Amino acid sequence: MEPTDNSTYGGAAFCPNCSSRLPYVLPVEPLYDLRLACMIIPMTHTALRNYLWRHREEFPRRYRQDRQKRLHRLLSASEIHRIRNNRLRFKDVDGNKREPGYLGS
């Protein structure tokens, strides 16, 4: 499968011989388990599980299995971004609400 240029998931690697920069684009969105998602969002594991249960129509279940045959639920990067924007409340110093990307004057 060829990576697309419109993907936002990628980075750069460096050639070990000539040290030139080699850009790459990931063909799929990265997935994170709930333990890591709790650190990124930030919220407790119990709160995240409850949130996902209440909004189960929006967030489909994806699992991976480890060596001990235990299932670990995975969230995509865009799902983590959506949860973070819904859960965090951003305010200015004077208490007015603001958008996450806004840097006030």
C-alpha atoms as a PDB file:
ATOM      1  CA  MET A   1       0.000   0.000   0.000  1.00  0.00           C
ATOM      2  CA  GLU A   2       1.414   3.366  -1.018  1.00  0.00           C
ATOM      3  CA  PRO A   3       1.300   6.145   1.597  1.00  0.00           C
ATOM      4  CA  THR A   4      -0.724   9.181   0.652  1.00  0.00           C
ATOM      5  CA  ASP A   5       0.659  12.702   0.770  1.00  0.00           C
ATOM      6  CA  ASN A   6      -2.408  14.070   2.579  1.00  0.00           C
ATOM      7  CA  SER A   7      -1.797  11.983   5.714  1.00  0.00           C
ATOM      8  CA  THR A   8      -0.992  13.995   8.820  1.00  0.00           C
ATOM      9  CA  TYR A   9       0.877  11.123  10.432  1.00  0.00           C
ATOM     10  CA  GLY A  10       4.496  10.972   9.467  1.00  0.00           C
ATOM     11  CA  GLY A  11       7.906  12.250  10.280  1.00  0.00           C
ATOM     12  CA  ALA A  12      11.478  12.001   9.150  1.00  0.00           C
ATOM     13  CA  ALA A  13      14.263   9.470   9.424  1.00  0.00           C
ATOM     14  CA  PHE A  14      17.939  10.012   8.723  1.00  0.00           C
ATOM     15  CA  CYS A  15      20.155   7.893   6.501  1.00  0.00           C
ATOM     16  CA  PRO A  16      22.894   6.206   8.563  1.00  0.00           C
ATOM     17  CA  ASN A  17      25.428   6.557   5.708  1.00  0.00           C
ATOM     18  CA  CYS A  18      25.007  10.119   4.450  1.00  0.00           C
ATOM     19  CA  SER A  19      22.809  11.658   7.229  1.00  0.00           C
ATOM     20  CA  SER A  20      20.310  12.962   4.686  1.00  0.00           C
ATOM     21  CA  ARG A  21      16.740  13.515   5.810  1.00  0.00           C
ATOM     22  CA  LEU A  22      14.257  10.902   4.544  1.00  0.00           C
ATOM     23  CA  PRO A  23      10.624  11.956   5.070  1.00  0.00           C
ATOM     24  CA  TYR A  24       7.997   9.273   5.524  1.00  0.00           C
ATOM     25  CA  VAL A  25       4.239   9.227   5.761  1.00  0.00           C
ATOM     26  CA  LEU A  26       2.388   6.571   7.693  1.00  0.00           C
ATOM     27  CA  PRO A  27      -0.404   4.925   5.671  1.00  0.00           C
ATOM     28  CA  VAL A  28      -2.551   4.380   8.768  1.00  0.00           C
ATOM     29  CA  GLU A  29      -3.430   6.370  11.853  1.00  0.00           C
ATOM     30  CA  PRO A  30      -1.537   5.372  15.020  1.00  0.00           C
ATOM     31  CA  LEU A  31      -3.397   3.503  17.778  1.00  0.00           C
ATOM     32  CA  TYR A  32      -2.853   3.868  21.532  1.00  0.00           C
ATOM     33  CA  ASP A  33      -3.982   1.686  24.423  1.00  0.00           C
ATOM     34  CA  LEU A  34      -6.116   3.144  27.214  1.00  0.00           C
ATOM     35  CA  ARG A  35      -3.203   3.482  29.647  1.00  0.00           C
ATOM     36  CA  LEU A  36      -1.355   5.759  27.240  1.00  0.00           C
ATOM     37  CA  ALA A  37      -4.553   7.579  26.235  1.00  0.00           C
ATOM     38  CA  CYS A  38      -5.165   8.451  29.901  1.00  0.00           C
ATOM     39  CA  MET A  39      -1.811  10.226  30.012  1.00  0.00           C
ATOM     40  CA  ILE A  40      -2.420  12.114  26.761  1.00  0.00           C
ATOM     41  CA  ILE A  41      -5.979  13.309  27.480  1.00  0.00           C
ATOM     42  CA  PRO A  42      -5.447  13.606  30.791  1.00  0.00           C
ATOM     43  CA  MET A  43      -8.063  11.690  32.790  1.00  0.00           C
ATOM     44  CA  THR A  44      -8.159   8.648  35.019  1.00  0.00           C
ATOM     45  CA  HIS A  45      -8.562   5.168  33.597  1.00  0.00           C
ATOM     46  CA  THR A  46     -11.985   4.754  35.215  1.00  0.00           C
ATOM     47  CA  ALA A  47     -13.202   8.112  33.903  1.00  0.00           C
ATOM     48  CA  LEU A  48     -12.033   7.270  30.382  1.00  0.00           C
ATOM     49  CA  ARG A  49     -13.740   3.880  30.444  1.00  0.00           C
ATOM     50  CA  ASN A  50     -16.977   5.513  31.642  1.00  0.00           C
ATOM     51  CA  TYR A  51     -16.722   8.194  28.955  1.00  0.00           C
ATOM     52  CA  LEU A  52     -16.218   5.565  26.245  1.00  0.00           C
ATOM     53  CA  TRP A  53     -19.178   3.586  27.579  1.00  0.00           C
ATOM     54  CA  ARG A  54     -21.467   6.645  27.534  1.00  0.00           C
ATOM     55  CA  HIS A  55     -20.344   7.536  23.992  1.00  0.00           C
ATOM     56  CA  ARG A  56     -20.017   4.000  22.622  1.00  0.00           C
ATOM     57  CA  GLU A  57     -21.764   4.911  19.346  1.00  0.00           C
ATOM     58  CA  GLU A  58     -19.020   7.434  18.522  1.00  0.00           C
ATOM     59  CA  PHE A  59     -16.031   5.269  19.449  1.00  0.00           C
ATOM     60  CA  PRO A  60     -15.972   1.754  17.950  1.00  0.00           C
ATOM     61  CA  ARG A  61     -14.182  -0.920  19.920  1.00  0.00           C
ATOM     62  CA  ARG A  62     -10.765  -2.089  18.740  1.00  0.00           C
ATOM     63  CA  TYR A  63      -8.672  -4.560  20.683  1.00  0.00           C
ATOM     64  CA  ARG A  64      -5.275  -6.143  20.519  1.00  0.00           C
ATOM     65  CA  GLN A  65      -4.255  -9.304  22.284  1.00  0.00           C
ATOM     66  CA  ASP A  66      -1.025  -9.663  24.234  1.00  0.00           C
ATOM     67  CA  ARG A  67       0.983 -12.829  24.913  1.00  0.00           C
ATOM     68  CA  GLN A  68      -1.118 -13.731  27.943  1.00  0.00           C
ATOM     69  CA  LYS A  69      -4.267 -13.601  25.755  1.00  0.00           C
ATOM     70  CA  ARG A  70      -5.522 -10.426  27.497  1.00  0.00           C
ATOM     71  CA  LEU A  71      -7.403  -7.890  25.405  1.00  0.00           C
ATOM     72  CA  HIS A  72      -6.345  -4.226  25.416  1.00  0.00           C
ATOM     73  CA  ARG A  73      -8.684  -1.605  23.987  1.00  0.00           C
ATOM     74  CA  LEU A  74      -7.149   0.807  21.471  1.00  0.00           C
ATOM     75  CA  LEU A  75      -8.036   4.369  20.519  1.00  0.00           C
ATOM     76  CA  SER A  76      -6.905   6.140  17.370  1.00  0.00           C
ATOM     77  CA  ALA A  77      -5.099   9.473  17.498  1.00  0.00           C
ATOM     78  CA  SER A  78      -8.119  11.349  16.115  1.00  0.00           C
ATOM     79  CA  GLU A  79     -10.392   9.792  18.759  1.00  0.00           C
ATOM     80  CA  ILE A  80      -8.003  10.868  21.516  1.00  0.00           C
ATOM     81  CA  HIS A  81      -7.955  14.367  20.021  1.00  0.00           C
ATOM     82  CA  ARG A  82     -11.793  14.481  19.997  1.00  0.00           C
ATOM     83  CA  ILE A  83     -12.047  13.277  23.613  1.00  0.00           C
ATOM     84  CA  ARG A  84      -9.424  15.772  24.746  1.00  0.00           C
ATOM     85  CA  ASN A  85     -11.209  18.690  23.066  1.00  0.00           C
ATOM     86  CA  ASN A  86     -14.558  17.626  24.566  1.00  0.00           C
ATOM     87  CA  ARG A  87     -13.257  17.109  28.098  1.00  0.00           C
ATOM     88  CA  LEU A  88     -10.798  19.964  28.611  1.00  0.00           C
ATOM     89  CA  ARG A  89     -12.099  23.433  29.372  1.00  0.00           C
ATOM     90  CA  PHE A  90      -9.879  26.249  28.194  1.00  0.00           C
ATOM     91  CA  LYS A  91     -10.116  29.645  29.886  1.00  0.00           C
ATOM     92  CA  ASP A  92      -8.180  32.901  29.720  1.00  0.00           C
ATOM     93  CA  VAL A  93      -6.683  34.507  32.813  1.00  0.00           C
ATOM     94  CA  ASP A  94      -9.826  36.642  33.210  1.00  0.00           C
ATOM     95  CA  GLY A  95     -12.054  33.510  33.123  1.00  0.00           C
ATOM     96  CA  ASN A  96     -13.458  33.846  29.588  1.00  0.00           C
ATOM     97  CA  LYS A  97     -13.799  30.674  27.555  1.00  0.00           C
ATOM     98  CA  ARG A  98     -11.468  30.296  24.598  1.00  0.00           C
ATOM     99  CA  GLU A  99     -10.633  27.818  21.851  1.00  0.00           C
ATOM    100  CA  PRO A 100      -7.721  25.373  22.408  1.00  0.00           C
ATOM    101  CA  GLY A 101      -5.523  26.919  19.691  1.00  0.00           C
ATOM    102  CA  TYR A 102      -6.136  30.540  20.690  1.00  0.00           C
ATOM    103  CA  LEU A 103      -3.131  32.393  22.132  1.00  0.00           C
ATOM    104  CA  GLY A 104      -4.794  35.598  23.404  1.00  0.00           C
ATOM    105  CA  SER A 105      -3.246  39.048  23.086  1.00  0.00           C
END
